[in-house]
C-alpha cells in the first residue's frame, strides 16, 4: 500500500486536525518508525503541502498476539 511520508514535526502538526467534517488526521509510524498518513487523508484535505508529501510503500509494524 502506498502512503504519504511525514517528518516527525509534520506528524505533530497534523495530529488530531480535521481534514473534512468528522475526519481527523491520524499519523502513525511504520516498521522503520517513519511517520505516515493514508492517501485518503491526503486526497480529502485542502492543505497544499500535504498533497505534495513524498509517497512510500507502507511497511506495517509486526504485531504480537497476546492470547
PDB file of N, CA and C in Angstrom:
ATOM      1  N   UNK A   1       0.848  -1.168   0.000  1.00  0.00           N
ATOM      2  CA  UNK A   1       0.000   0.000   0.000  1.00  0.00           C
ATOM      3  C   UNK A   1       0.897   1.236   0.000  1.00  0.00           C
ATOM      4  N   UNK A   2       0.532   2.202  -0.797  1.00  0.00           N
ATOM      5  CA  UNK A   2       1.277   3.457  -0.876  1.00  0.00           C
ATOM      6  C   UNK A   2       0.657   4.457   0.101  1.00  0.00           C
ATOM      7  N   UNK A   3       1.526   5.178   0.802  1.00  0.00           N
ATOM      8  CA  UNK A   3       1.110   6.171   1.795  1.00  0.00           C
ATOM      9  C   UNK A   3       1.959   7.424   1.614  1.00  0.00           C
ATOM     10  N   UNK A   4       1.642   8.470   2.357  1.00  0.00           N
ATOM     11  CA  UNK A   4       2.416   9.710   2.322  1.00  0.00           C
ATOM     12  C   UNK A   4       3.338   9.766   3.536  1.00  0.00           C
ATOM     13  N   UNK A   5       4.586  10.118   3.295  1.00  0.00           N
ATOM     14  CA  UNK A   5       5.605  10.176   4.348  1.00  0.00           C
ATOM     15  C   UNK A   5       5.645  11.563   4.981  1.00  0.00           C
ATOM     16  N   UNK A   6       5.767  11.576   6.312  1.00  0.00           N
ATOM     17  CA  UNK A   6       5.853  12.812   7.089  1.00  0.00           C
ATOM     18  C   UNK A   6       7.143  12.855   7.890  1.00  0.00           C
ATOM     19  N   UNK A   7       7.587  14.048   8.212  1.00  0.00           N
ATOM     20  CA  UNK A   7       8.625  14.196   9.232  1.00  0.00           C
ATOM     21  C   UNK A   7       7.925  14.128  10.584  1.00  0.00           C
ATOM     22  N   UNK A   8       8.680  13.976  11.642  1.00  0.00           N
ATOM     23  CA  UNK A   8       8.065  13.944  12.974  1.00  0.00           C
ATOM     24  C   UNK A   8       7.390  15.279  13.286  1.00  0.00           C
ATOM     25  N   UNK A   9       7.964  16.383  12.812  1.00  0.00           N
ATOM     26  CA  UNK A   9       7.364  17.698  13.032  1.00  0.00           C
ATOM     27  C   UNK A   9       6.037  17.827  12.292  1.00  0.00           C
ATOM     28  N   UNK A  10       5.996  17.336  11.054  1.00  0.00           N
ATOM     29  CA  UNK A  10       4.750  17.375  10.280  1.00  0.00           C
ATOM     30  C   UNK A  10       3.684  16.492  10.931  1.00  0.00           C
ATOM     31  N   UNK A  11       4.089  15.335  11.436  1.00  0.00           N
ATOM     32  CA  UNK A  11       3.144  14.439  12.107  1.00  0.00           C
ATOM     33  C   UNK A  11       2.532  15.133  13.318  1.00  0.00           C
ATOM     34  N   UNK A  12       3.349  15.800  14.114  1.00  0.00           N
ATOM     35  CA  UNK A  12       2.850  16.521  15.291  1.00  0.00           C
ATOM     36  C   UNK A  12       1.896  17.637  14.877  1.00  0.00           C
ATOM     37  N   UNK A  13       2.218  18.297  13.787  1.00  0.00           N
ATOM     38  CA  UNK A  13       1.396  19.400  13.308  1.00  0.00           C
ATOM     39  C   UNK A  13       0.010  18.920  12.855  1.00  0.00           C
ATOM     40  N   UNK A  14      -0.066  17.695  12.324  1.00  0.00           N
ATOM     41  CA  UNK A  14      -1.328  17.191  11.782  1.00  0.00           C
ATOM     42  C   UNK A  14      -2.171  16.389  12.773  1.00  0.00           C
ATOM     43  N   UNK A  15      -1.572  15.867  13.828  1.00  0.00           N
ATOM     44  CA  UNK A  15      -2.312  15.006  14.764  1.00  0.00           C
ATOM     45  C   UNK A  15      -3.586  15.681  15.251  1.00  0.00           C
ATOM     46  N   UNK A  16      -4.699  15.000  15.024  1.00  0.00           N
ATOM     47  CA  UNK A  16      -5.979  15.486  15.508  1.00  0.00           C
ATOM     48  C   UNK A  16      -6.603  16.616  14.716  1.00  0.00           C
ATOM     49  N   UNK A  17      -5.958  17.043  13.634  1.00  0.00           N
ATOM     50  CA  UNK A  17      -6.500  18.126  12.811  1.00  0.00           C
ATOM     51  C   UNK A  17      -7.574  17.553  11.890  1.00  0.00           C
ATOM     52  N   UNK A  18      -8.696  18.231  11.828  1.00  0.00           N
ATOM     53  CA  UNK A  18      -9.799  17.795  10.986  1.00  0.00           C
ATOM     54  C   UNK A  18      -9.470  18.098   9.522  1.00  0.00           C
ATOM     55  N   UNK A  19      -9.557  17.079   8.655  1.00  0.00           N
ATOM     56  CA  UNK A  19      -9.297  17.318   7.227  1.00  0.00           C
ATOM     57  C   UNK A  19     -10.571  17.345   6.408  1.00  0.00           C
ATOM     58  N   UNK A  20     -11.660  16.897   6.964  1.00  0.00           N
ATOM     59  CA  UNK A  20     -13.020  17.065   6.440  1.00  0.00           C
ATOM     60  C   UNK A  20     -13.943  16.848   7.623  1.00  0.00           C
ATOM     61  N   UNK A  21     -15.213  17.136   7.453  1.00  0.00           N
ATOM     62  CA  UNK A  21     -16.122  17.066   8.589  1.00  0.00           C
ATOM     63  C   UNK A  21     -16.093  15.683   9.238  1.00  0.00           C
ATOM     64  N   UNK A  22     -15.796  15.678  10.539  1.00  0.00           N
ATOM     65  CA  UNK A  22     -15.757  14.468  11.369  1.00  0.00           C
ATOM     66  C   UNK A  22     -14.663  13.470  10.982  1.00  0.00           C
ATOM     67  N   UNK A  23     -13.645  13.911  10.244  1.00  0.00           N
ATOM     68  CA  UNK A  23     -12.492  13.066   9.887  1.00  0.00           C
ATOM     69  C   UNK A  23     -11.218  13.809  10.256  1.00  0.00           C
ATOM     70  N   UNK A  24     -10.339  13.110  10.959  1.00  0.00           N
ATOM     71  CA  UNK A  24      -9.144  13.747  11.507  1.00  0.00           C
ATOM     72  C   UNK A  24      -7.892  13.012  11.052  1.00  0.00           C
ATOM     73  N   UNK A  25      -6.809  13.782  10.845  1.00  0.00           N
ATOM     74  CA  UNK A  25      -5.531  13.154  10.524  1.00  0.00           C
ATOM     75  C   UNK A  25      -5.126  12.247  11.674  1.00  0.00           C
ATOM     76  N   UNK A  26      -4.544  11.096  11.323  1.00  0.00           N
ATOM     77  CA  UNK A  26      -4.090  10.136  12.314  1.00  0.00           C
ATOM     78  C   UNK A  26      -2.734   9.574  11.881  1.00  0.00           C
ATOM     79  N   UNK A  27      -1.668  10.382  12.008  1.00  0.00           N
ATOM     80  CA  UNK A  27      -0.347   9.877  11.623  1.00  0.00           C
ATOM     81  C   UNK A  27       0.053   8.670  12.471  1.00  0.00           C
ATOM     82  N   UNK A  28       0.666   7.696  11.825  1.00  0.00           N
ATOM     83  CA  UNK A  28       1.194   6.519  12.521  1.00  0.00           C
ATOM     84  C   UNK A  28       2.614   6.273  12.025  1.00  0.00           C
ATOM     85  N   UNK A  29       3.320   5.365  12.680  1.00  0.00           N
ATOM     86  CA  UNK A  29       4.666   5.010  12.257  1.00  0.00           C
ATOM     87  C   UNK A  29       4.684   3.608  11.671  1.00  0.00           C
ATOM     88  N   UNK A  30       5.521   3.437  10.640  1.00  0.00           N
ATOM     89  CA  UNK A  30       5.659   2.118  10.039  1.00  0.00           C
ATOM     90  C   UNK A  30       6.754   1.326  10.758  1.00  0.00           C
ATOM     91  N   UNK A  31       7.116   0.189  10.212  1.00  0.00           N
ATOM     92  CA  UNK A  31       8.099  -0.694  10.850  1.00  0.00           C
ATOM     93  C   UNK A  31       9.461  -0.018  11.043  1.00  0.00           C
ATOM     94  N   UNK A  32       9.760   0.983  10.198  1.00  0.00           N
ATOM     95  CA  UNK A  32      11.026   1.713  10.294  1.00  0.00           C
ATOM     96  C   UNK A  32      10.892   3.015  11.073  1.00  0.00           C
ATOM     97  N   UNK A  33       9.779   3.166  11.793  1.00  0.00           N
ATOM     98  CA  UNK A  33       9.480   4.369  12.578  1.00  0.00           C
ATOM     99  C   UNK A  33       9.355   5.626  11.728  1.00  0.00           C
ATOM    100  N   UNK A  34       8.965   5.464  10.468  1.00  0.00           N
ATOM    101  CA  UNK A  34       8.688   6.586   9.578  1.00  0.00           C
ATOM    102  C   UNK A  34       7.229   6.975   9.763  1.00  0.00           C
ATOM    103  N   UNK A  35       6.984   8.252   9.964  1.00  0.00           N
ATOM    104  CA  UNK A  35       5.616   8.745  10.126  1.00  0.00           C
ATOM    105  C   UNK A  35       4.920   8.768   8.778  1.00  0.00           C
ATOM    106  N   UNK A  36       3.663   8.319   8.761  1.00  0.00           N
ATOM    107  CA  UNK A  36       2.904   8.271   7.511  1.00  0.00           C
ATOM    108  C   UNK A  36       1.437   8.635   7.771  1.00  0.00           C
ATOM    109  N   UNK A  37       0.769   9.043   6.691  1.00  0.00           N
ATOM    110  CA  UNK A  37      -0.683   9.173   6.681  1.00  0.00           C
ATOM    111  C   UNK A  37      -1.186   8.494   5.416  1.00  0.00           C
ATOM    112  N   UNK A  38      -2.455   8.153   5.398  1.00  0.00           N
ATOM    113  CA  UNK A  38      -3.033   7.464   4.254  1.00  0.00           C
ATOM    114  C   UNK A  38      -3.230   8.420   3.077  1.00  0.00           C
ATOM    115  N   UNK A  39      -3.301   7.854   1.884  1.00  0.00           N
ATOM    116  CA  UNK A  39      -3.595   8.668   0.711  1.00  0.00           C
ATOM    117  C   UNK A  39      -5.014   9.220   0.771  1.00  0.00           C
ATOM    118  N   UNK A  40      -5.914   8.525   1.457  1.00  0.00           N
ATOM    119  CA  UNK A  40      -7.269   9.055   1.641  1.00  0.00           C
ATOM    120  C   UNK A  40      -7.216  10.386   2.384  1.00  0.00           C
ATOM    121  N   UNK A  41      -6.402  10.454   3.434  1.00  0.00           N
ATOM    122  CA  UNK A  41      -6.257  11.708   4.170  1.00  0.00           C
ATOM    123  C   UNK A  41      -5.689  12.791   3.260  1.00  0.00           C
ATOM    124  N   UNK A  42      -4.685  12.437   2.477  1.00  0.00           N
ATOM    125  CA  UNK A  42      -4.052  13.396   1.562  1.00  0.00           C
ATOM    126  C   UNK A  42      -5.063  13.908   0.544  1.00  0.00           C
ATOM    127  N   UNK A  43      -5.777  12.998  -0.092  1.00  0.00           N
ATOM    128  CA  UNK A  43      -6.681  13.363  -1.180  1.00  0.00           C
ATOM    129  C   UNK A  43      -7.881  14.169  -0.708  1.00  0.00           C
ATOM    130  N   UNK A  44      -8.299  13.978   0.529  1.00  0.00           N
ATOM    131  CA  UNK A  44      -9.510  14.644   1.007  1.00  0.00           C
ATOM    132  C   UNK A  44      -9.247  15.942   1.763  1.00  0.00           C
ATOM    133  N   UNK A  45      -7.976  16.307   1.933  1.00  0.00           N
ATOM    134  CA  UNK A  45      -7.681  17.549   2.644  1.00  0.00           C
ATOM    135  C   UNK A  45      -7.449  18.688   1.651  1.00  0.00           C
ATOM    136  N   UNK A  46      -7.432  19.902   2.173  1.00  0.00           N
ATOM    137  CA  UNK A  46      -7.195  21.096   1.349  1.00  0.00           C
ATOM    138  C   UNK A  46      -5.853  21.743   1.657  1.00  0.00           C
ATOM    139  N   UNK A  47      -4.945  21.015   2.269  1.00  0.00           N
ATOM    140  CA  UNK A  47      -3.638  21.566   2.646  1.00  0.00           C
ATOM    141  C   UNK A  47      -2.637  21.221   1.548  1.00  0.00           C
ATOM    142  N   UNK A  48      -2.125  22.233   0.861  1.00  0.00           N
ATOM    143  CA  UNK A  48      -1.282  22.001  -0.308  1.00  0.00           C
ATOM    144  C   UNK A  48      -0.005  21.238   0.024  1.00  0.00           C
ATOM    145  N   UNK A  49       0.667  21.576   1.140  1.00  0.00           N
ATOM    146  CA  UNK A  49       1.926  20.884   1.431  1.00  0.00           C
ATOM    147  C   UNK A  49       1.694  19.409   1.728  1.00  0.00           C
ATOM    148  N   UNK A  50       0.518  19.068   2.249  1.00  0.00           N
ATOM    149  CA  UNK A  50       0.197  17.664   2.486  1.00  0.00           C
ATOM    150  C   UNK A  50       0.067  16.938   1.150  1.00  0.00           C
ATOM    151  N   UNK A  51      -0.549  17.575   0.175  1.00  0.00           N
ATOM    152  CA  UNK A  51      -0.715  16.969  -1.151  1.00  0.00           C
ATOM    153  C   UNK A  51       0.628  16.732  -1.844  1.00  0.00           C
ATOM    154  N   UNK A  52       1.663  17.457  -1.449  1.00  0.00           N
ATOM    155  CA  UNK A  52       2.989  17.354  -2.064  1.00  0.00           C
ATOM    156  C   UNK A  52       3.942  16.416  -1.315  1.00  0.00           C
ATOM    157  N   UNK A  53       3.466  15.760  -0.264  1.00  0.00           N
ATOM    158  CA  UNK A  53       4.328  14.847   0.505  1.00  0.00           C
ATOM    159  C   UNK A  53       4.803  13.694  -0.364  1.00  0.00           C
ATOM    160  N   UNK A  54       6.019  13.201  -0.100  1.00  0.00           N
ATOM    161  CA  UNK A  54       6.511  12.042  -0.862  1.00  0.00           C
ATOM    162  C   UNK A  54       5.696  10.799  -0.546  1.00  0.00           C
ATOM    163  N   UNK A  55       5.593   9.936  -1.529  1.00  0.00           N
ATOM    164  CA  UNK A  55       4.867   8.670  -1.382  1.00  0.00           C
ATOM    165  C   UNK A  55       5.865   7.541  -1.162  1.00  0.00           C
ATOM    166  N   UNK A  56       5.509   6.630  -0.267  1.00  0.00           N
ATOM    167  CA  UNK A  56       6.342   5.464   0.011  1.00  0.00           C
ATOM    168  C   UNK A  56       5.451   4.240   0.180  1.00  0.00           C
ATOM    169  N   UNK A  57       6.066   3.081   0.140  1.00  0.00           N
ATOM    170  CA  UNK A  57       5.353   1.827   0.411  1.00  0.00           C
ATOM    171  C   UNK A  57       5.208   1.683   1.924  1.00  0.00           C
ATOM    172  N   UNK A  58       4.007   1.363   2.381  1.00  0.00           N
ATOM    173  CA  UNK A  58       3.759   1.175   3.810  1.00  0.00           C
ATOM    174  C   UNK A  58       4.237  -0.205   4.239  1.00  0.00           C
ATOM    175  N   UNK A  59       5.079  -0.225   5.259  1.00  0.00           N
ATOM    176  CA  UNK A  59       5.574  -1.462   5.857  1.00  0.00           C
ATOM    177  C   UNK A  59       5.074  -1.507   7.299  1.00  0.00           C
ATOM    178  N   UNK A  60       4.001  -2.250   7.556  1.00  0.00           N
ATOM    179  CA  UNK A  60       3.406  -2.246   8.895  1.00  0.00           C
ATOM    180  C   UNK A  60       4.327  -2.842   9.952  1.00  0.00           C
ATOM    181  N   UNK A  61       4.165  -2.348  11.166  1.00  0.00           N
ATOM    182  CA  UNK A  61       4.881  -2.933  12.294  1.00  0.00           C
ATOM    183  C   UNK A  61       4.306  -4.310  12.557  1.00  0.00           C
ATOM    184  N   UNK A  62       5.172  -5.214  12.951  1.00  0.00           N
ATOM    185  CA  UNK A  62       4.699  -6.555  13.296  1.00  0.00           C
ATOM    186  C   UNK A  62       3.991  -6.484  14.641  1.00  0.00           C
ATOM    187  N   UNK A  63       2.901  -7.195  14.738  1.00  0.00           N
ATOM    188  CA  UNK A  63       2.171  -7.246  15.997  1.00  0.00           C
ATOM    189  C   UNK A  63       2.278  -8.636  16.569  1.00  0.00           C
ATOM    190  N   UNK A  64       2.272  -8.686  17.858  1.00  0.00           N
ATOM    191  CA  UNK A  64       2.310  -9.998  18.518  1.00  0.00           C
ATOM    192  C   UNK A  64       0.968 -10.240  19.155  1.00  0.00           C
ATOM    193  N   UNK A  65       0.490 -11.428  19.017  1.00  0.00           N
ATOM    194  CA  UNK A  65      -0.781 -11.797  19.612  1.00  0.00           C
ATOM    195  C   UNK A  65      -0.541 -12.178  21.062  1.00  0.00           C
ATOM    196  N   UNK A  66      -1.223 -11.488  21.960  1.00  0.00           N
ATOM    197  CA  UNK A  66      -1.021 -11.723  23.382  1.00  0.00           C
ATOM    198  C   UNK A  66      -1.824 -12.900  23.901  1.00  0.00           C
ATOM    199  N   UNK A  67      -2.668 -13.486  23.063  1.00  0.00           N
ATOM    200  CA  UNK A  67      -3.518 -14.589  23.516  1.00  0.00           C
ATOM    201  C   UNK A  67      -3.132 -15.873  22.823  1.00  0.00           C
TER     202      UNK A  67
END
